[in-house]
C-alpha atoms as a PDB file:
ATOM      1  CA  UNK A   1      -0.284 -21.609  14.448  1.00  0.00           C
ATOM      2  CA  UNK A   2      -3.578 -19.888  15.184  1.00  0.00           C
ATOM      3  CA  UNK A   3      -4.103 -16.149  15.125  1.00  0.00           C
ATOM      4  CA  UNK A   4      -2.969 -14.436  18.336  1.00  0.00           C
ATOM      5  CA  UNK A   5      -6.288 -12.506  18.533  1.00  0.00           C
ATOM      6  CA  UNK A   6      -8.275 -15.730  18.421  1.00  0.00           C
ATOM      7  CA  UNK A   7      -6.157 -17.293  21.143  1.00  0.00           C
ATOM      8  CA  UNK A   8      -6.451 -14.150  23.302  1.00  0.00           C
ATOM      9  CA  UNK A   9     -10.222 -13.813  22.812  1.00  0.00           C
ATOM     10  CA  UNK A  10     -10.684 -17.361  23.840  1.00  0.00           C
ATOM     11  CA  UNK A  11      -8.554 -16.808  26.991  1.00  0.00           C
ATOM     12  CA  UNK A  12     -10.622 -13.819  27.799  1.00  0.00           C
ATOM     13  CA  UNK A  13     -13.844 -15.852  27.430  1.00  0.00           C
ATOM     14  CA  UNK A  14     -12.458 -18.596  29.716  1.00  0.00           C
ATOM     15  CA  UNK A  15     -11.543 -16.001  32.414  1.00  0.00           C
ATOM     16  CA  UNK A  16     -14.872 -14.342  32.143  1.00  0.00           C
ATOM     17  CA  UNK A  17     -16.719 -17.664  32.297  1.00  0.00           C
ATOM     18  CA  UNK A  18     -14.733 -18.568  35.521  1.00  0.00           C
ATOM     19  CA  UNK A  19     -15.635 -15.253  37.059  1.00  0.00           C
ATOM     20  CA  UNK A  20     -19.257 -15.253  36.286  1.00  0.00           C
ATOM     21  CA  UNK A  21     -19.999 -19.009  36.727  1.00  0.00           C
ATOM     22  CA  UNK A  22     -21.478 -18.677  40.294  1.00  0.00           C
ATOM     23  CA  UNK A  23     -23.712 -15.729  39.278  1.00  0.00           C
ATOM     24  CA  UNK A  24     -25.005 -17.580  36.232  1.00  0.00           C
ATOM     25  CA  UNK A  25     -25.643 -20.732  38.232  1.00  0.00           C
ATOM     26  CA  UNK A  26     -27.619 -18.917  40.886  1.00  0.00           C
ATOM     27  CA  UNK A  27     -29.785 -16.985  38.273  1.00  0.00           C
ATOM     28  CA  UNK A  28     -30.436 -20.191  36.264  1.00  0.00           C
ATOM     29  CA  UNK A  29     -31.468 -21.997  39.390  1.00  0.00           C
ATOM     30  CA  UNK A  30     -33.940 -19.244  40.258  1.00  0.00           C
ATOM     31  CA  UNK A  31     -35.270 -19.085  36.733  1.00  0.00           C
ATOM     32  CA  UNK A  32     -35.860 -22.904  36.646  1.00  0.00           C
ATOM     33  CA  UNK A  33     -37.361 -23.225  40.177  1.00  0.00           C
ATOM     34  CA  UNK A  34     -41.101 -23.926  39.676  1.00  0.00           C
ATOM     35  CA  UNK A  35     -41.916 -23.183  43.321  1.00  0.00           C
ATOM     36  CA  UNK A  36     -41.153 -19.471  42.839  1.00  0.00           C
ATOM     37  CA  UNK A  37     -43.631 -16.977  41.405  1.00  0.00           C
ATOM     38  CA  UNK A  38     -43.594 -16.198  37.695  1.00  0.00           C
ATOM     39  CA  UNK A  39     -42.488 -12.687  38.370  1.00  0.00           C
ATOM     40  CA  UNK A  40     -39.435 -13.743  40.352  1.00  0.00           C
ATOM     41  CA  UNK A  41     -38.464 -16.256  37.647  1.00  0.00           C
ATOM     42  CA  UNK A  42     -38.979 -13.722  34.958  1.00  0.00           C
ATOM     43  CA  UNK A  43     -36.797 -11.157  36.834  1.00  0.00           C
ATOM     44  CA  UNK A  44     -34.118 -13.838  37.202  1.00  0.00           C
ATOM     45  CA  UNK A  45     -34.286 -14.404  33.453  1.00  0.00           C
ATOM     46  CA  UNK A  46     -33.873 -10.740  32.673  1.00  0.00           C
ATOM     47  CA  UNK A  47     -30.828 -10.509  35.007  1.00  0.00           C
ATOM     48  CA  UNK A  48     -29.397 -13.583  33.206  1.00  0.00           C
ATOM     49  CA  UNK A  49     -29.820 -11.781  29.966  1.00  0.00           C
ATOM     50  CA  UNK A  50     -27.785  -8.803  31.288  1.00  0.00           C
ATOM     51  CA  UNK A  51     -24.827 -11.019  32.101  1.00  0.00           C
ATOM     52  CA  UNK A  52     -22.226 -10.889  29.175  1.00  0.00           C
ATOM     53  CA  UNK A  53     -22.737 -13.688  26.625  1.00  0.00           C
ATOM     54  CA  UNK A  54     -19.004 -14.514  26.697  1.00  0.00           C
ATOM     55  CA  UNK A  55     -19.384 -15.505  30.287  1.00  0.00           C
ATOM     56  CA  UNK A  56     -21.101 -18.698  29.195  1.00  0.00           C
ATOM     57  CA  UNK A  57     -18.851 -21.707  29.350  1.00  0.00           C
ATOM     58  CA  UNK A  58     -20.216 -23.039  25.986  1.00  0.00           C
ATOM     59  CA  UNK A  59     -18.568 -20.187  24.244  1.00  0.00           C
ATOM     60  CA  UNK A  60     -15.045 -21.288  25.346  1.00  0.00           C
ATOM     61  CA  UNK A  61     -13.319 -23.302  22.595  1.00  0.00           C
ATOM     62  CA  UNK A  62     -10.976 -26.084  23.435  1.00  0.00           C
ATOM     63  CA  UNK A  63      -7.574 -25.056  21.850  1.00  0.00           C
ATOM     64  CA  UNK A  64      -4.188 -26.676  21.652  1.00  0.00           C
ATOM     65  CA  UNK A  65      -1.854 -25.327  24.435  1.00  0.00           C
ATOM     66  CA  UNK A  66       1.084 -25.519  22.003  1.00  0.00           C
ATOM     67  CA  UNK A  67      -0.108 -24.170  18.712  1.00  0.00           C
ATOM     68  CA  UNK A  68      -3.622 -22.782  19.429  1.00  0.00           C
ATOM     69  CA  UNK A  69      -5.234 -25.058  16.865  1.00  0.00           C
ATOM     70  CA  UNK A  70      -8.979 -25.425  17.620  1.00  0.00           C
ATOM     71  CA  UNK A  71      -9.680 -28.742  15.902  1.00  0.00           C
ATOM     72  CA  UNK A  72      -8.480 -32.312  16.559  1.00  0.00           C
ATOM     73  CA  UNK A  73      -8.015 -31.525  20.237  1.00  0.00           C
ATOM     74  CA  UNK A  74      -7.106 -34.207  22.736  1.00  0.00           C
ATOM     75  CA  UNK A  75      -8.686 -33.403  26.030  1.00  0.00           C
ATOM     76  CA  UNK A  76      -6.448 -35.481  28.219  1.00  0.00           C
ATOM     77  CA  UNK A  77      -3.207 -33.935  26.921  1.00  0.00           C
ATOM     78  CA  UNK A  78      -4.704 -30.410  25.965  1.00  0.00           C
ATOM     79  CA  UNK A  79      -3.084 -30.473  22.568  1.00  0.00           C
ATOM     80  CA  UNK A  80      -3.982 -31.082  18.941  1.00  0.00           C
ATOM     81  CA  UNK A  81      -3.261 -34.257  17.014  1.00  0.00           C
ATOM     82  CA  UNK A  82      -0.345 -32.504  15.086  1.00  0.00           C
ATOM     83  CA  UNK A  83       1.418 -31.175  18.198  1.00  0.00           C
ATOM     84  CA  UNK A  84       0.929 -34.565  19.880  1.00  0.00           C
ATOM     85  CA  UNK A  85       2.626 -36.360  16.878  1.00  0.00           C
ATOM     86  CA  UNK A  86       5.528 -33.889  16.739  1.00  0.00           C
ATOM     87  CA  UNK A  87       6.289 -33.844  20.454  1.00  0.00           C
ATOM     88  CA  UNK A  88       5.838 -37.679  20.702  1.00  0.00           C
ATOM     89  CA  UNK A  89       8.223 -38.301  17.902  1.00  0.00           C
ATOM     90  CA  UNK A  90      10.779 -36.191  19.625  1.00  0.00           C
ATOM     91  CA  UNK A  91      10.184 -38.124  22.905  1.00  0.00           C
ATOM     92  CA  UNK A  92       9.023 -35.078  24.844  1.00  0.00           C
ATOM     93  CA  UNK A  93       5.739 -36.746  26.141  1.00  0.00           C
ATOM     94  CA  UNK A  94       6.351 -39.221  28.874  1.00  0.00           C
ATOM     95  CA  UNK A  95       4.860 -42.635  28.259  1.00  0.00           C
ATOM     96  CA  UNK A  96       4.050 -41.971  24.649  1.00  0.00           C
ATOM     97  CA  UNK A  97       5.743 -44.242  22.150  1.00  0.00           C
ATOM     98  CA  UNK A  98       5.270 -43.700  18.401  1.00  0.00           C
ATOM     99  CA  UNK A  99       4.333 -47.108  16.966  1.00  0.00           C
ATOM    100  CA  UNK A 100       6.343 -48.576  14.151  1.00  0.00           C
ATOM    101  CA  UNK A 101       6.022 -52.000  12.406  1.00  0.00           C
END
């Protein structure tokens, strides 16, 4: 089980990234638009620098919904390999059958 603080910090980052996504996208579009003047683009870059760093989607870490484990994450099921194996062995995941031979 991951530390509760790490899980909570990641949840805060995800919420902040969702809230600020539109603003960041607009500012990035202005900063990359070559048809605008250099001053306008530079001003957009400065405003983008003022937006919190944790509002960037790249800072959000994929974590297991069951245990909070950050590694060996399965995107489709939103859980780690360990939790997937445990729940699959118990028959709690529909359609998943543990192979045996």
